[in-house]
Amino acid sequence: MIQTPYGIKSELTYRPGKPLRDAEYLRFVRSFPCSVCSRSWGGIEAHHFGPRGLAQKTSDLNAIPLCRNHHREVHKLGPIKFQEQHKLDIPFLIVQLNELYQEKTRRKSA
């Protein structure tokens, strides 16, 4: 049992696991055109969305493809404003990319 300053006793504490790192998945994400402008030339980058900061990183599975210009823009505006400005459903894009990757790896192993 742990005694907290608030008098709460608990054996459970939240300890986030290490974020997943997958270079192959990031290559897969970069194989798509930019999620905003559909540009597929000039260097597509995988931008990670999700919680981060203060030694907290997000999983590689939370990445979407962006061209260099839009990658810089998301850092300038922040993820919420960027998503609103470009009318993107980023969680939906992430789920779609994950499903496509799983399908690709299933076909590869079969």
N, C-alpha and C. Protein backbone atom coordinates (compact mmCIF):
# COMPACT_ATOMS: atom_id res chain seq x y z
N MET A 1 0.83 -1.20 0.00
CA MET A 1 0.00 0.00 0.00
C MET A 1 0.86 1.25 0.00
N ILE A 2 0.38 2.27 -0.68
CA ILE A 2 1.09 3.55 -0.76
C ILE A 2 0.23 4.62 -0.09
N GLN A 3 0.82 5.36 0.81
CA GLN A 3 0.12 6.48 1.44
C GLN A 3 0.45 7.74 0.66
N THR A 4 -0.58 8.40 0.16
CA THR A 4 -0.38 9.64 -0.59
C THR A 4 -0.62 10.82 0.32
N PRO A 5 -0.22 12.02 -0.10
CA PRO A 5 -0.48 13.22 0.72
C PRO A 5 -1.98 13.45 0.96
N TYR A 6 -2.82 12.85 0.13
CA TYR A 6 -4.26 13.06 0.25
C TYR A 6 -4.93 11.97 1.08
N GLY A 7 -4.15 11.07 1.65
CA GLY A 7 -4.68 10.01 2.48
C GLY A 7 -5.20 8.81 1.70
N ILE A 8 -4.97 8.79 0.39
CA ILE A 8 -5.46 7.69 -0.44
C ILE A 8 -4.41 6.58 -0.43
N LYS A 9 -4.88 5.38 -0.19
CA LYS A 9 -3.99 4.23 -0.21
C LYS A 9 -4.26 3.41 -1.46
N SER A 10 -3.21 3.03 -2.13
CA SER A 10 -3.37 2.27 -3.36
C SER A 10 -2.14 1.44 -3.62
N GLU A 11 -2.37 0.27 -4.21
CA GLU A 11 -1.25 -0.56 -4.65
C GLU A 11 -0.98 -0.33 -6.13
N LEU A 12 -1.91 0.30 -6.79
CA LEU A 12 -1.79 0.52 -8.23
C LEU A 12 -1.28 1.93 -8.50
N THR A 13 -0.31 2.00 -9.34
CA THR A 13 0.16 3.30 -9.81
C THR A 13 0.27 3.21 -11.33
N TYR A 14 0.05 4.32 -11.99
CA TYR A 14 0.12 4.35 -13.45
C TYR A 14 1.56 4.55 -13.88
N ARG A 15 2.04 3.62 -14.66
CA ARG A 15 3.38 3.74 -15.24
C ARG A 15 3.25 3.46 -16.73
N PRO A 16 3.31 4.51 -17.55
CA PRO A 16 3.15 4.27 -18.98
C PRO A 16 4.28 3.40 -19.52
N GLY A 17 3.92 2.52 -20.45
CA GLY A 17 4.94 1.68 -21.07
C GLY A 17 5.76 2.47 -22.07
N LYS A 18 6.81 1.86 -22.52
CA LYS A 18 7.64 2.51 -23.54
C LYS A 18 6.87 2.57 -24.85
N PRO A 19 6.99 3.68 -25.56
CA PRO A 19 6.30 3.79 -26.84
C PRO A 19 6.91 2.83 -27.87
N LEU A 20 6.07 2.34 -28.74
CA LEU A 20 6.52 1.40 -29.77
C LEU A 20 7.37 2.13 -30.80
N ARG A 21 8.50 1.57 -31.14
CA ARG A 21 9.36 2.10 -32.21
C ARG A 21 9.40 1.07 -33.32
N ASP A 22 9.08 1.50 -34.53
CA ASP A 22 9.02 0.58 -35.66
C ASP A 22 9.44 1.31 -36.93
N ALA A 23 10.70 1.17 -37.31
CA ALA A 23 11.24 1.85 -38.49
C ALA A 23 10.53 1.41 -39.77
N GLU A 24 10.15 0.14 -39.84
CA GLU A 24 9.44 -0.36 -41.02
C GLU A 24 8.07 0.32 -41.17
N TYR A 25 7.39 0.52 -40.06
CA TYR A 25 6.10 1.21 -40.11
C TYR A 25 6.27 2.66 -40.56
N LEU A 26 7.30 3.33 -40.08
CA LEU A 26 7.54 4.71 -40.49
C LEU A 26 7.86 4.80 -41.98
N ARG A 27 8.59 3.82 -42.52
CA ARG A 27 8.83 3.76 -43.97
C ARG A 27 7.51 3.60 -44.73
N PHE A 28 6.64 2.75 -44.17
CA PHE A 28 5.32 2.53 -44.76
C PHE A 28 4.53 3.85 -44.78
N VAL A 29 4.52 4.59 -43.69
CA VAL A 29 3.80 5.87 -43.61
C VAL A 29 4.36 6.85 -44.63
N ARG A 30 5.68 6.92 -44.75
CA ARG A 30 6.31 7.86 -45.68
C ARG A 30 6.09 7.47 -47.15
N SER A 31 5.58 6.28 -47.40
CA SER A 31 5.30 5.86 -48.78
C SER A 31 4.01 6.48 -49.31
N PHE A 32 3.23 7.13 -48.45
CA PHE A 32 1.98 7.76 -48.85
C PHE A 32 2.20 9.23 -49.15
N PRO A 33 1.28 9.84 -49.92
CA PRO A 33 1.37 11.29 -50.14
C PRO A 33 0.97 12.06 -48.88
N CYS A 34 1.25 13.34 -48.87
CA CYS A 34 0.90 14.21 -47.76
C CYS A 34 -0.60 14.12 -47.47
N SER A 35 -0.96 14.02 -46.21
CA SER A 35 -2.36 13.91 -45.80
C SER A 35 -3.15 15.19 -46.04
N VAL A 36 -2.45 16.30 -46.27
CA VAL A 36 -3.13 17.59 -46.47
C VAL A 36 -3.22 17.94 -47.95
N CYS A 37 -2.09 17.97 -48.65
CA CYS A 37 -2.07 18.47 -50.03
C CYS A 37 -1.89 17.37 -51.07
N SER A 38 -1.71 16.14 -50.66
CA SER A 38 -1.53 14.98 -51.55
C SER A 38 -0.22 15.02 -52.33
N ARG A 39 0.70 15.89 -51.95
CA ARG A 39 2.01 15.94 -52.60
C ARG A 39 2.76 14.64 -52.26
N SER A 40 3.34 14.03 -53.26
CA SER A 40 4.08 12.80 -53.00
C SER A 40 5.57 12.94 -53.33
N TRP A 41 5.98 14.12 -53.75
CA TRP A 41 7.38 14.35 -54.10
C TRP A 41 7.97 15.37 -53.13
N GLY A 42 9.27 15.44 -53.08
CA GLY A 42 9.92 16.45 -52.26
C GLY A 42 10.12 16.07 -50.81
N GLY A 43 10.01 14.82 -50.50
CA GLY A 43 10.29 14.37 -49.15
C GLY A 43 9.08 14.33 -48.24
N ILE A 44 8.48 13.19 -48.12
CA ILE A 44 7.36 12.99 -47.20
C ILE A 44 7.95 12.58 -45.85
N GLU A 45 7.43 13.18 -44.80
CA GLU A 45 7.90 12.90 -43.44
C GLU A 45 6.77 12.30 -42.62
N ALA A 46 7.11 11.48 -41.65
CA ALA A 46 6.12 10.90 -40.76
C ALA A 46 6.03 11.77 -39.52
N HIS A 47 4.87 12.40 -39.32
CA HIS A 47 4.69 13.25 -38.13
C HIS A 47 3.92 12.47 -37.08
N HIS A 48 4.43 12.47 -35.85
CA HIS A 48 3.81 11.77 -34.74
C HIS A 48 2.79 12.68 -34.04
N PHE A 49 1.59 12.15 -33.84
CA PHE A 49 0.56 12.85 -33.07
C PHE A 49 0.33 12.07 -31.79
N GLY A 50 0.04 12.77 -30.74
CA GLY A 50 -0.25 12.11 -29.47
C GLY A 50 0.50 12.77 -28.33
N PRO A 51 0.35 12.22 -27.14
CA PRO A 51 0.98 12.84 -25.97
C PRO A 51 2.49 12.77 -26.03
N ARG A 52 3.11 13.86 -25.64
CA ARG A 52 4.57 13.91 -25.58
C ARG A 52 4.99 15.11 -24.74
N GLY A 53 6.24 15.13 -24.41
CA GLY A 53 6.78 16.22 -23.60
C GLY A 53 7.21 15.70 -22.25
N LEU A 54 8.16 16.34 -21.65
CA LEU A 54 8.70 15.94 -20.35
C LEU A 54 9.01 14.44 -20.33
N ALA A 55 9.89 14.04 -21.22
CA ALA A 55 10.34 12.65 -21.33
C ALA A 55 9.21 11.70 -21.75
N GLN A 56 8.19 12.22 -22.37
CA GLN A 56 7.08 11.40 -22.83
C GLN A 56 7.05 11.45 -24.35
N LYS A 57 7.07 10.29 -24.98
CA LYS A 57 7.04 10.21 -26.44
C LYS A 57 5.85 9.37 -26.87
N THR A 58 5.38 9.64 -28.06
CA THR A 58 4.26 8.88 -28.58
C THR A 58 4.76 7.74 -29.48
N SER A 59 3.93 6.77 -29.67
CA SER A 59 4.27 5.59 -30.46
C SER A 59 4.44 5.93 -31.94
N ASP A 60 5.27 5.16 -32.62
CA ASP A 60 5.41 5.32 -34.07
C ASP A 60 4.10 4.99 -34.79
N LEU A 61 3.23 4.24 -34.15
CA LEU A 61 1.95 3.90 -34.76
C LEU A 61 0.98 5.08 -34.80
N ASN A 62 1.38 6.21 -34.22
CA ASN A 62 0.56 7.42 -34.23
C ASN A 62 1.09 8.45 -35.22
N ALA A 63 1.66 8.00 -36.32
CA ALA A 63 2.25 8.90 -37.31
C ALA A 63 1.39 8.97 -38.57
N ILE A 64 1.41 10.14 -39.20
CA ILE A 64 0.75 10.31 -40.50
C ILE A 64 1.74 10.96 -41.46
N PRO A 65 1.55 10.77 -42.76
CA PRO A 65 2.47 11.37 -43.73
C PRO A 65 2.16 12.84 -43.98
N LEU A 66 3.20 13.67 -43.93
CA LEU A 66 3.08 15.09 -44.23
C LEU A 66 4.27 15.52 -45.08
N CYS A 67 4.02 16.46 -46.01
CA CYS A 67 5.14 17.04 -46.75
C CYS A 67 5.91 17.95 -45.78
N ARG A 68 7.08 18.38 -46.19
CA ARG A 68 7.90 19.22 -45.30
C ARG A 68 7.18 20.49 -44.87
N ASN A 69 6.47 21.13 -45.82
CA ASN A 69 5.77 22.37 -45.49
C ASN A 69 4.70 22.16 -44.43
N HIS A 70 3.90 21.11 -44.58
CA HIS A 70 2.84 20.86 -43.61
C HIS A 70 3.40 20.31 -42.29
N HIS A 71 4.51 19.63 -42.35
CA HIS A 71 5.15 19.16 -41.12
C HIS A 71 5.60 20.37 -40.29
N ARG A 72 6.21 21.34 -40.95
CA ARG A 72 6.62 22.56 -40.24
C ARG A 72 5.39 23.31 -39.70
N GLU A 73 4.35 23.33 -40.50
CA GLU A 73 3.14 24.05 -40.10
C GLU A 73 2.49 23.45 -38.85
N VAL A 74 2.46 22.13 -38.76
CA VAL A 74 1.86 21.51 -37.57
C VAL A 74 2.66 21.86 -36.32
N HIS A 75 3.96 21.98 -36.45
CA HIS A 75 4.78 22.38 -35.30
C HIS A 75 4.54 23.85 -34.94
N LYS A 76 4.26 24.66 -35.95
CA LYS A 76 4.02 26.09 -35.72
C LYS A 76 2.64 26.33 -35.09
N LEU A 77 1.62 25.68 -35.63
CA LEU A 77 0.24 25.91 -35.18
C LEU A 77 -0.15 25.09 -33.96
N GLY A 78 0.43 23.92 -33.82
CA GLY A 78 -0.03 22.97 -32.81
C GLY A 78 -1.02 22.01 -33.45
N PRO A 79 -1.15 20.81 -32.88
CA PRO A 79 -1.95 19.77 -33.53
C PRO A 79 -3.44 20.09 -33.64
N ILE A 80 -4.02 20.72 -32.63
CA ILE A 80 -5.47 20.98 -32.67
C ILE A 80 -5.81 22.02 -33.72
N LYS A 81 -5.09 23.12 -33.72
CA LYS A 81 -5.34 24.18 -34.69
C LYS A 81 -5.06 23.68 -36.12
N PHE A 82 -3.99 22.90 -36.27
CA PHE A 82 -3.63 22.34 -37.58
C PHE A 82 -4.76 21.44 -38.09
N GLN A 83 -5.26 20.58 -37.23
CA GLN A 83 -6.34 19.66 -37.61
C GLN A 83 -7.59 20.43 -37.99
N GLU A 84 -7.93 21.46 -37.23
CA GLU A 84 -9.12 22.27 -37.54
C GLU A 84 -8.95 23.04 -38.85
N GLN A 85 -7.78 23.65 -39.03
CA GLN A 85 -7.54 24.47 -40.21
C GLN A 85 -7.62 23.66 -41.50
N HIS A 86 -7.14 22.42 -41.45
CA HIS A 86 -7.11 21.59 -42.66
C HIS A 86 -8.25 20.58 -42.71
N LYS A 87 -9.15 20.66 -41.73
CA LYS A 87 -10.32 19.77 -41.68
C LYS A 87 -9.92 18.30 -41.78
N LEU A 88 -8.94 17.93 -40.96
CA LEU A 88 -8.45 16.55 -40.92
C LEU A 88 -9.03 15.82 -39.73
N ASP A 89 -9.28 14.55 -39.90
CA ASP A 89 -9.64 13.67 -38.78
C ASP A 89 -8.42 12.80 -38.54
N ILE A 90 -7.48 13.32 -37.77
CA ILE A 90 -6.20 12.64 -37.57
C ILE A 90 -6.35 11.28 -36.91
N PRO A 91 -7.17 11.13 -35.86
CA PRO A 91 -7.34 9.78 -35.30
C PRO A 91 -7.83 8.77 -36.34
N PHE A 92 -8.74 9.20 -37.22
CA PHE A 92 -9.23 8.31 -38.28
C PHE A 92 -8.09 7.94 -39.24
N LEU A 93 -7.27 8.92 -39.64
CA LEU A 93 -6.13 8.64 -40.52
C LEU A 93 -5.18 7.63 -39.89
N ILE A 94 -4.93 7.80 -38.60
CA ILE A 94 -4.02 6.89 -37.90
C ILE A 94 -4.57 5.48 -37.89
N VAL A 95 -5.85 5.33 -37.61
CA VAL A 95 -6.48 4.00 -37.61
C VAL A 95 -6.41 3.38 -39.00
N GLN A 96 -6.70 4.17 -40.03
CA GLN A 96 -6.65 3.67 -41.40
C GLN A 96 -5.24 3.18 -41.78
N LEU A 97 -4.23 3.97 -41.44
CA LEU A 97 -2.85 3.57 -41.73
C LEU A 97 -2.47 2.30 -40.98
N ASN A 98 -2.88 2.19 -39.72
CA ASN A 98 -2.59 0.99 -38.94
C ASN A 98 -3.24 -0.24 -39.56
N GLU A 99 -4.48 -0.10 -40.00
CA GLU A 99 -5.19 -1.23 -40.61
C GLU A 99 -4.54 -1.64 -41.93
N LEU A 100 -4.15 -0.66 -42.74
CA LEU A 100 -3.47 -0.97 -44.01
C LEU A 100 -2.15 -1.69 -43.76
N TYR A 101 -1.42 -1.24 -42.75
CA TYR A 101 -0.14 -1.86 -42.43
C TYR A 101 -0.33 -3.30 -41.94
N GLN A 102 -1.32 -3.51 -41.10
CA GLN A 102 -1.60 -4.87 -40.62
C GLN A 102 -1.98 -5.79 -41.77
N GLU A 103 -2.79 -5.27 -42.69
CA GLU A 103 -3.18 -6.05 -43.86
C GLU A 103 -1.95 -6.39 -44.72
N LYS A 104 -1.09 -5.40 -44.91
CA LYS A 104 0.13 -5.62 -45.69
C LYS A 104 1.02 -6.68 -45.04
N THR A 105 1.20 -6.62 -43.74
CA THR A 105 2.07 -7.59 -43.07
C THR A 105 1.43 -8.97 -43.04
N ARG A 106 0.11 -9.03 -42.97
CA ARG A 106 -0.58 -10.34 -43.04
C ARG A 106 -0.34 -10.99 -44.39
N ARG A 107 -0.49 -10.19 -45.47
CA ARG A 107 -0.27 -10.73 -46.81
C ARG A 107 1.17 -11.16 -47.02
N LYS A 108 2.08 -10.40 -46.44
CA LYS A 108 3.51 -10.70 -46.58
C LYS A 108 3.86 -12.03 -45.91
N SER A 109 3.24 -12.31 -44.75
CA SER A 109 3.58 -13.51 -44.00
C SER A 109 2.82 -14.74 -44.49
N ALA A 110 1.79 -14.52 -45.31
CA ALA A 110 0.99 -15.67 -45.80
C ALA A 110 1.61 -16.32 -47.00
